[in-house]
Amino acid sequence: MKKNVAVIGVGAVGVEIIKILKERKFPINNLRVFARSRRSIEIEGEDYEVEAIEDSDFSNIDIALFAGTEGEKGASVLYADKFVKKGAVVIDNGSDFRLKKNVPLIVPEINKGEVIRHKGIIANPNCTTIQMVVALADIYRTFGLKEIILSSYQATSGAGRKASLGLWEETREVVENNKDKDFNCLAKKLSGPNRVFGPQIAFNVIPRIGSPAEDGYTGEEWKVVRETHKIFNDRRIKISATCARVPVFTSHCESIHFTTKENASLSRIAGVLNNSAGVEYSGESLCFPLDAEGKDPVYVCRLRPNLYRKKSFWMWCVADNLRKGAALNAVQIAELLL
């Protein structure tokens, strides 16, 4: 059962993949770690040798977990086919293959049976999508869904380790510059340019993630629409999203409004959530980003009806975007391959 495993990328998600493989005792015969340059890294007291991916030999690798950058110069676009040709199954965390016709887009709690359709590459959905569909999956199965309206409040780590470091550095700079002044001064802009986002993220909210695309929605928002349609295999669901960046290090928050096809009472939906795989429903107790950090479930709370629209409800959910939103879901897919 033991597999030869490769992890490509040692940013926030890549490091989390390595940690989760160890936590879940994934049966590894040999682990190889790749990045652009050769170096040594330490993860939780253990040293790992990172190989330079260019011109490396990818023979004898069973599963390759890509955690790196996206786009035409991204690791999966440049190297995924090379791993596949050497016999590996690629699990890609980026967006490059998610909507390809012959690439399964997998959330194990929802559509694990699709994994057998792979042609060498399996895609991991976007972190925002994963969190939402896990929370809604059994509601969809039980009552059907006509419409979903999502507002997401996304942590800086969703943009990588440098983004979280940028939040830390900005916060420290604002506090240092204003420690002897009235607290209202904290809202003033920093003197220098932002390191990652453009607008200041410390003590601020950025009401857009990504560049504008079709009809004024961003690529991040369209990911939610198109990936959810593919995962549920249902393009009839009306889906609209607004994605914002908030000054939180880890764990995305989502406010989800959904309309069911069948009549559904609040108590029946609560019962479904209580028995949903991957969901921790807390009822009247609130769930916070800090609750989810370092944890596996999608936490759901504040379930309530829309008082002015039949069959419509609100709920709030949070999840660690680096774990279930990325690394954990990828490792769960690898477990399916066993």
Protein backbone atom coordinates (compact mmCIF):
# COMPACT_ATOMS: atom_id res chain seq x y z
CA MET A 1 0.00 0.00 0.00
CA LYS A 2 2.91 2.39 0.52
CA LYS A 3 3.30 5.04 -2.18
CA ASN A 4 6.10 7.18 -3.50
CA VAL A 5 4.81 10.73 -3.08
CA ALA A 6 5.98 14.08 -4.44
CA VAL A 7 4.98 17.50 -3.10
CA ILE A 8 5.60 20.35 -5.51
CA GLY A 9 5.81 23.78 -3.87
CA VAL A 10 6.84 24.70 -0.34
CA GLY A 11 4.71 27.78 0.25
CA ALA A 12 1.89 27.87 2.80
CA VAL A 13 -0.13 25.11 1.11
CA GLY A 14 2.85 22.89 0.31
CA VAL A 15 4.05 22.98 3.91
CA GLU A 16 0.52 22.20 5.10
CA ILE A 17 0.33 19.20 2.73
CA ILE A 18 3.55 17.77 4.19
CA LYS A 19 2.24 18.27 7.73
CA ILE A 20 -1.12 16.63 6.94
CA LEU A 21 0.47 13.65 5.19
CA LYS A 22 2.35 13.01 8.42
CA GLU A 23 -0.65 13.72 10.70
CA ARG A 24 -2.90 11.31 8.82
CA LYS A 25 -0.18 8.66 8.58
CA PHE A 26 -0.40 8.49 4.82
CA PRO A 27 1.46 5.31 3.75
CA ILE A 28 4.58 6.83 2.22
CA ASN A 29 7.47 4.76 0.95
CA ASN A 30 9.50 7.75 -0.28
CA LEU A 31 8.67 11.46 -0.10
CA ARG A 32 10.28 13.90 -2.54
CA VAL A 33 9.78 17.65 -2.26
CA PHE A 34 10.26 19.96 -5.25
CA ALA A 35 10.44 23.73 -5.74
CA ARG A 36 12.12 26.16 -8.12
CA SER A 37 15.42 26.05 -6.24
CA ARG A 38 17.29 23.46 -4.22
CA ARG A 39 17.38 24.04 -0.46
CA SER A 40 16.68 22.54 2.96
CA ILE A 41 13.57 23.40 4.98
CA GLU A 42 12.39 22.51 8.46
CA ILE A 43 8.75 21.65 9.18
CA GLU A 44 7.77 20.98 12.78
CA GLY A 45 11.30 20.00 13.76
CA GLU A 46 11.93 17.71 10.79
CA ASP A 47 14.33 18.54 7.96
CA TYR A 48 13.37 18.09 4.30
CA GLU A 49 15.61 18.35 1.27
CA VAL A 50 13.93 20.32 -1.51
CA GLU A 51 14.94 19.39 -5.04
CA ALA A 52 15.06 21.89 -7.91
CA ILE A 53 12.21 20.78 -10.16
CA GLU A 54 13.75 21.82 -13.46
CA ASP A 55 15.46 18.92 -15.21
CA SER A 56 14.65 16.51 -12.34
CA ASP A 57 13.82 12.87 -12.94
CA PHE A 58 10.18 12.14 -12.02
CA SER A 59 10.41 8.36 -12.30
CA ASN A 60 8.95 6.05 -9.64
CA ILE A 61 6.49 8.59 -8.25
CA ASP A 62 2.95 7.33 -7.64
CA ILE A 63 1.19 10.52 -6.49
CA ALA A 64 2.27 14.13 -7.15
CA LEU A 65 0.61 16.84 -5.07
CA PHE A 66 1.00 20.29 -6.68
CA ALA A 67 0.67 23.24 -4.32
CA GLY A 68 2.41 25.98 -6.26
CA THR A 69 1.60 28.92 -8.47
CA GLU A 70 -1.00 28.98 -11.24
CA GLY A 71 -0.94 30.21 -14.82
CA GLU A 72 1.21 29.44 -17.83
CA LYS A 73 4.42 29.66 -15.77
CA GLY A 74 2.94 27.75 -12.85
CA ALA A 75 4.39 24.42 -11.80
CA SER A 76 1.41 22.27 -12.75
CA VAL A 77 1.18 23.69 -16.27
CA LEU A 78 4.92 23.22 -16.80
CA TYR A 79 5.40 19.83 -15.16
CA ALA A 80 2.11 17.96 -14.53
CA ASP A 81 2.20 16.12 -17.86
CA LYS A 82 5.80 15.10 -17.24
CA PHE A 83 4.81 13.46 -13.96
CA VAL A 84 1.83 11.75 -15.63
CA LYS A 85 4.01 10.39 -18.45
CA LYS A 86 6.27 8.82 -15.82
CA GLY A 87 3.28 7.06 -14.24
CA ALA A 88 2.21 9.42 -11.45
CA VAL A 89 -1.30 10.65 -10.68
CA VAL A 90 -1.26 14.43 -10.28
CA ILE A 91 -3.49 16.19 -7.73
CA ASP A 92 -3.40 19.90 -8.54
CA ASN A 93 -4.39 22.60 -6.07
CA GLY A 94 -4.35 25.37 -8.70
CA SER A 95 -7.07 26.54 -11.06
CA ASP A 96 -5.46 25.50 -14.35
CA PHE A 97 -7.21 22.14 -14.77
CA ARG A 98 -10.38 22.50 -12.67
CA LEU A 99 -12.81 23.12 -15.51
CA LYS A 100 -11.15 20.83 -18.07
CA LYS A 101 -13.62 18.28 -19.40
CA ASN A 102 -11.62 15.14 -18.59
CA VAL A 103 -10.32 16.31 -15.20
CA PRO A 104 -12.40 15.34 -12.14
CA LEU A 105 -12.95 18.18 -9.65
CA ILE A 106 -13.16 16.38 -6.33
CA VAL A 107 -14.45 17.10 -2.85
CA PRO A 108 -14.40 13.63 -1.21
CA GLU A 109 -17.47 14.27 0.96
CA ILE A 110 -19.48 14.98 -2.18
CA ASN A 111 -18.28 13.26 -5.35
CA LYS A 112 -15.52 10.80 -4.49
CA GLY A 113 -16.85 8.35 -7.10
CA GLU A 114 -15.68 10.72 -9.83
CA VAL A 115 -12.05 10.09 -8.94
CA ILE A 116 -11.97 6.93 -11.10
CA ARG A 117 -12.56 9.06 -14.20
CA HIS A 118 -9.13 10.67 -14.02
CA LYS A 119 -6.75 10.56 -16.98
CA GLY A 120 -3.73 11.25 -14.81
CA ILE A 121 -4.78 14.61 -13.35
CA ILE A 122 -7.30 15.35 -10.56
CA ALA A 123 -8.17 18.92 -9.59
CA ASN A 124 -8.65 20.36 -6.12
CA PRO A 125 -11.36 23.09 -6.07
CA ASN A 126 -10.84 26.66 -4.92
CA CYS A 127 -10.80 27.10 -1.13
CA THR A 128 -13.92 29.31 -1.19
CA THR A 129 -15.83 26.74 -3.23
CA ILE A 130 -14.81 23.75 -1.09
CA GLN A 131 -16.01 25.36 2.13
CA MET A 132 -19.38 26.33 0.66
CA VAL A 133 -20.17 23.05 -1.08
CA VAL A 134 -19.27 20.96 1.99
CA ALA A 135 -21.72 23.04 4.04
CA LEU A 136 -24.46 22.77 1.39
CA ALA A 137 -23.93 19.26 -0.02
CA ASP A 138 -26.44 17.30 2.06
CA ILE A 139 -28.95 20.17 1.94
CA TYR A 140 -28.69 19.94 -1.85
CA ARG A 141 -29.11 16.16 -1.79
CA THR A 142 -32.12 16.33 0.54
CA PHE A 143 -34.06 19.37 -0.63
CA GLY A 144 -32.44 20.50 -3.89
CA LEU A 145 -31.09 24.02 -4.40
CA LYS A 146 -32.51 26.70 -6.69
CA GLU A 147 -30.22 29.57 -5.75
CA ILE A 148 -27.08 30.36 -3.74
CA ILE A 149 -25.87 33.87 -2.86
CA LEU A 150 -22.44 33.90 -1.25
CA SER A 151 -20.50 36.63 0.50
CA SER A 152 -17.02 35.50 1.49
CA TYR A 153 -14.60 37.18 3.91
CA GLN A 154 -11.26 35.65 3.05
CA ALA A 155 -8.09 35.43 5.10
CA THR A 156 -4.80 36.82 3.84
CA SER A 157 -3.18 33.36 3.77
CA GLY A 158 -5.42 32.61 0.80
CA ALA A 159 -3.03 34.81 -1.18
CA GLY A 160 0.06 33.04 0.16
CA ARG A 161 2.61 33.34 2.93
CA LYS A 162 3.82 36.76 1.77
CA ALA A 163 0.29 38.13 2.08
CA SER A 164 0.00 37.04 5.70
CA LEU A 165 3.43 38.49 6.41
CA GLY A 166 2.23 41.71 4.76
CA LEU A 167 -0.71 41.88 7.17
CA TRP A 168 1.63 41.39 10.11
CA GLU A 169 4.11 44.04 8.93
CA GLU A 170 1.37 46.56 8.13
CA THR A 171 -0.33 46.06 11.48
CA ARG A 172 2.95 46.54 13.32
CA GLU A 173 3.73 49.67 11.33
CA VAL A 174 0.30 51.22 11.97
CA VAL A 175 0.52 50.49 15.71
CA GLU A 176 4.06 51.85 15.96
CA ASN A 177 3.13 55.01 14.08
CA ASN A 178 0.06 55.66 16.18
CA LYS A 179 0.78 54.31 19.66
CA ASP A 180 0.75 57.78 21.26
CA LYS A 181 -2.24 59.09 19.28
CA ASP A 182 -6.01 58.84 19.34
CA PHE A 183 -7.20 55.43 18.09
CA ASN A 184 -9.01 57.07 15.16
CA CYS A 185 -5.63 57.66 13.60
CA LEU A 186 -5.35 53.92 13.01
CA ALA A 187 -7.62 54.29 10.01
CA LYS A 188 -5.08 56.48 8.23
CA LYS A 189 -3.19 54.95 5.36
CA LEU A 190 0.36 53.75 5.67
CA SER A 191 3.08 55.88 4.16
CA GLY A 192 4.53 53.19 1.91
CA PRO A 193 3.01 50.93 -0.76
CA ASN A 194 1.35 47.66 0.24
CA ARG A 195 3.54 44.60 -0.23
CA VAL A 196 0.90 42.32 -1.75
CA PHE A 197 -2.64 43.61 -2.17
CA GLY A 198 -2.21 47.17 -3.37
CA PRO A 199 -4.71 48.70 -0.91
CA GLN A 200 -3.82 48.53 2.76
CA ILE A 201 -5.15 45.35 4.40
CA ALA A 202 -4.36 46.13 8.06
CA PHE A 203 -7.46 47.64 9.76
CA ASN A 204 -9.20 47.55 6.40
CA VAL A 205 -11.39 45.39 4.14
CA ILE A 206 -10.75 45.01 0.41
CA PRO A 207 -14.12 44.46 -1.34
CA ARG A 208 -12.72 42.55 -4.29
CA ILE A 209 -10.43 39.57 -4.78
CA GLY A 210 -8.84 39.32 -8.19
CA SER A 211 -9.34 41.38 -11.32
CA PRO A 212 -12.76 42.21 -12.81
CA ALA A 213 -13.98 39.64 -15.33
CA GLU A 214 -17.37 39.02 -16.96
CA ASP A 215 -20.22 41.30 -15.89
CA GLY A 216 -18.09 42.96 -13.20
CA TYR A 217 -17.53 39.76 -11.22
CA THR A 218 -13.95 38.70 -10.50
CA GLY A 219 -12.25 35.45 -11.41
CA GLU A 220 -12.50 34.37 -7.76
CA GLU A 221 -16.26 34.88 -7.85
CA TRP A 222 -16.67 33.02 -11.14
CA LYS A 223 -14.68 30.12 -9.68
CA VAL A 224 -17.40 29.69 -7.05
CA VAL A 225 -20.09 29.60 -9.74
CA ARG A 226 -18.45 27.28 -12.26
CA GLU A 227 -16.76 24.93 -9.83
CA THR A 228 -19.96 24.45 -7.80
CA HIS A 229 -21.87 23.63 -10.98
CA LYS A 230 -19.26 21.02 -11.88
CA ILE A 231 -19.00 19.46 -8.40
CA PHE A 232 -22.79 19.14 -8.02
CA ASN A 233 -23.14 18.31 -11.73
CA ASP A 234 -26.02 20.79 -11.85
CA ARG A 235 -25.82 24.00 -13.88
CA ARG A 236 -29.41 24.93 -13.08
CA ILE A 237 -28.46 26.35 -9.68
CA LYS A 238 -28.38 30.15 -9.78
CA ILE A 239 -25.18 31.21 -8.04
CA SER A 240 -23.84 34.69 -7.32
CA ALA A 241 -20.85 35.62 -5.17
CA THR A 242 -19.03 38.59 -3.65
CA CYS A 243 -15.52 37.84 -2.37
CA ALA A 244 -13.72 40.25 -0.02
CA ARG A 245 -10.31 40.16 1.68
CA VAL A 246 -10.28 40.81 5.44
CA PRO A 247 -7.40 41.34 7.90
CA VAL A 248 -7.39 37.77 9.25
CA PHE A 249 -4.39 35.45 8.94
CA THR A 250 -6.12 32.07 8.52
CA SER A 251 -9.67 30.75 7.94
CA HIS A 252 -12.23 32.08 5.49
CA CYS A 253 -15.70 33.13 6.62
CA GLU A 254 -18.79 32.83 4.42
CA SER A 255 -22.31 34.18 4.66
CA ILE A 256 -24.47 31.87 2.56
CA HIS A 257 -28.04 32.56 1.45
CA PHE A 258 -29.69 29.57 -0.20
CA THR A 259 -33.11 28.72 -1.60
CA THR A 260 -34.27 25.11 -1.67
CA LYS A 261 -36.45 23.44 -4.29
CA GLU A 262 -38.47 21.40 -1.79
CA ASN A 263 -40.15 22.69 1.35
CA ALA A 264 -37.66 22.60 4.20
CA SER A 265 -38.12 23.59 7.82
CA LEU A 266 -35.35 25.06 9.93
CA SER A 267 -35.30 21.98 12.15
CA ARG A 268 -34.99 19.61 9.19
CA ILE A 269 -32.08 21.60 7.75
CA ALA A 270 -30.42 21.62 11.18
CA GLY A 271 -30.85 17.86 11.32
CA VAL A 272 -29.20 17.51 7.91
CA LEU A 273 -26.27 19.68 8.99
CA ASN A 274 -25.83 17.67 12.18
CA ASN A 275 -25.27 14.56 10.06
CA SER A 276 -23.29 16.09 7.18
CA ALA A 277 -19.82 14.68 6.54
CA GLY A 278 -17.08 17.22 7.19
CA VAL A 279 -19.46 19.67 8.91
CA GLU A 280 -19.50 20.75 12.56
CA TYR A 281 -22.87 22.41 13.19
CA SER A 282 -22.91 24.45 16.39
CA GLY A 283 -26.56 25.54 16.46
CA GLU A 284 -26.92 28.71 18.53
CA SER A 285 -23.22 28.88 19.40
CA LEU A 286 -21.15 31.15 17.18
CA CYS A 287 -18.18 29.92 15.15
CA PHE A 288 -15.14 32.10 14.52
CA PRO A 289 -12.10 32.00 12.23
CA LEU A 290 -9.90 31.27 15.24
CA ASP A 291 -12.04 28.21 16.02
CA ALA A 292 -11.33 26.76 12.60
CA GLU A 293 -7.60 27.44 12.44
CA GLY A 294 -5.67 24.17 12.37
CA LYS A 295 -8.90 22.14 12.33
CA ASP A 296 -10.42 19.93 9.64
CA PRO A 297 -14.22 20.56 9.70
CA VAL A 298 -16.28 23.26 8.07
CA TYR A 299 -17.97 24.98 11.03
CA VAL A 300 -21.56 26.14 10.50
CA CYS A 301 -23.69 28.40 12.72
CA ARG A 302 -26.37 31.14 12.57
CA LEU A 303 -28.84 29.07 10.56
CA ARG A 304 -31.99 31.17 10.17
CA PRO A 305 -34.85 31.75 7.72
CA ASN A 306 -35.24 34.60 5.28
CA LEU A 307 -38.47 36.00 6.73
CA TYR A 308 -39.56 37.51 3.43
CA ARG A 309 -38.80 34.72 1.00
CA LYS A 310 -40.15 31.19 1.10
CA LYS A 311 -37.77 28.23 1.16
CA SER A 312 -34.84 30.61 1.72
CA PHE A 313 -32.32 30.55 4.56
CA TRP A 314 -29.10 32.10 5.81
CA MET A 315 -26.13 30.46 7.47
CA TRP A 316 -22.58 31.39 8.46
CA CYS A 317 -19.62 29.07 8.03
CA VAL A 318 -15.86 29.16 8.65
CA ALA A 319 -13.04 26.81 7.66
CA ASP A 320 -9.27 26.76 7.65
CA ASN A 321 -8.52 27.73 4.05
CA LEU A 322 -5.08 26.11 4.13
CA ARG A 323 -6.44 22.78 5.38
CA LYS A 324 -9.89 21.78 4.12
CA GLY A 325 -9.72 24.63 1.62
CA ALA A 326 -6.53 23.25 0.07
CA ALA A 327 -4.05 20.81 1.63
CA LEU A 328 -6.42 18.52 3.53
CA ASN A 329 -8.77 18.14 0.57
CA ALA A 330 -5.80 17.24 -1.65
CA VAL A 331 -4.56 14.61 0.80
CA GLN A 332 -8.09 13.20 1.12
CA ILE A 333 -8.12 12.80 -2.66
CA ALA A 334 -4.78 10.99 -2.44
CA GLU A 335 -6.33 8.69 0.18
CA LEU A 336 -9.08 7.81 -2.30
CA LEU A 337 -6.38 6.62 -4.72
CA LEU A 338 -5.20 4.05 -2.19
